Amino acid sequence: MNTLYWEKELETMNREDLENRQLSLFKEKMQYVYDRSPMYHRKFDQAGIKPDDIRTLADIRNVPFTEKEDLRESQERKPPWGDCICIQPEAGVRVFQTTGTTGIPVKIIINKTDWETHFYRQFMYFMNGYGITTHDRLYVPFNYGLHIAWWGLSTAFERAGVMVIPGGGISSENRIKAILEYKATVVCGTPTYMLYLGETARKMGISLKDSPVRILIVAGEPGANIPATKQNLEEIWGAACFDDIGSSEITNFGFECTCQQGTHVIESMFLAESLDPETLKPVPDGEVGELVITNLITESMPLIRFRIKDLVRFNRSTCDCGRTFLRLDGGILGRSDDMFQFAGINIFPSALEHFIRERKEFSNEYQIHVPKQSSGDHLLIKVEPSSVEVPSKDLQAAKQKLIDEVKLNMTVTPAVEIANIGELPRFEAKAKRIYRQ
């Protein structure tokens, strides 16, 4: 395998040198935000800590976390950008905001250096990691708007010489036609929408396996590393499926390489920690922890120890691709605030998704309804048939297999309801799957 690197010296650097570099960058960035961001100046003063107090990586644990609520409060105090930013608003050239799925949207402002230099550098790690070259054609099925999804990736790839084919403002059927007409080799989107495009193509009598598409880039939801979902995507499209992780606030920080042995964190530009969600103490590599991440490079709104609320499992062994960058085994396992407890068991929606999508009798759409504690109601999973041609007896057998699989692996016996085909909603962006009473 011919591995492509963007900055090979950094991507294959030994762990000691890499961590020394991260420590130096962290100290510089902490001083930078202390001098330029009133929010961080207050936060560090209240915690009784100064940038000069950071002498080792262990000292970083004394630095207060940044929560999304800090950013919301900052922007409520001084609208629209807040006093968390480190630039003058007139220096901004791009504006985005979060989706608002967990509260009031946070506004994001990006200056020219970040947009043209740092974002480009980040996505060159992605592009090379995926094995994409200037011979590829990227199809981007998203609508112009304030949500950051795919803007950074498509802009960087275009600058690198990849043909970018925009696919916003048209129907899913016309997107399938455009992918074929323009002979796109790379398509990006949420796992949910990539599955939906596959369903749409099937209804049109089109096999995407026969298309030129060789790579799928998925983001926005767990999916690329949920085994059954990844397998479904790769079977439907006849293409390799790669993970892209990040958030509007901290930007994109992780990519899956062609070896597909976990999602690499760009440790030359970010410092990642994995902490116990309850105690906020570091967890050993290989155990599930909550991801806390610091942006070491950007100028506009760098975040220090940002609690992204994603659950991960660290692996610092060298990947077969030769990269020494930290890997997240299984990518993003879920969100700490999506995880729910039922009958005394911690349940990750991504685990349920795997069991649901293992059953070929069901479509890729599903819902999980979580009852109130002590209500006596069952955890309810709603699914629908994958086709009108699936016999009733096969549906009932698949239903029982799903119940048995969840019971065996989670010690919880769910109720499973089979809805009519097309009854469950479809999504182009992030899907809403969990409904809590």
Foldseek 3Di string as FASTA:
>chain_A
DDAFADDVCQQQPDPVVLQVLLLVLQLVVLQLQCVFFPLSVVQCVVLVHDSVQRDHPVSLLSRDADEPVSQVVQCVVPPDRGRLWRDDQVQFDAKAWFPQPPHDIGIDTAGPCCLPPVLLSQLVRQCSQAVHDLVAAEEEEEADDRHCPPVSNQVNVVVRNHHYHYRYDDDLLVSVVVCQVVLGQEYEAALQQLLVSLLVCVVVVHQLLPGNHAEYEHEQFQQCLLVLSVVSSCRRNVYHYKYWYDGPQADTFWIHGPLRQAIFGSSSFKDKFFAAPVPRHGDDAQDKGFIFMWGSDGRTRTGRRYRPQFIFHWDQDQDPSSGRGIGTGSYGQAGNVQFDDDPNFTDGVSNLLSLLSVQLQWRSDKAWEAEDPPPPAFTEIETEGNDPPQDPVSVVVSQVSSQVVCCVPTVGRHHYHYDYPPPGDGDRHDDHHYHYD
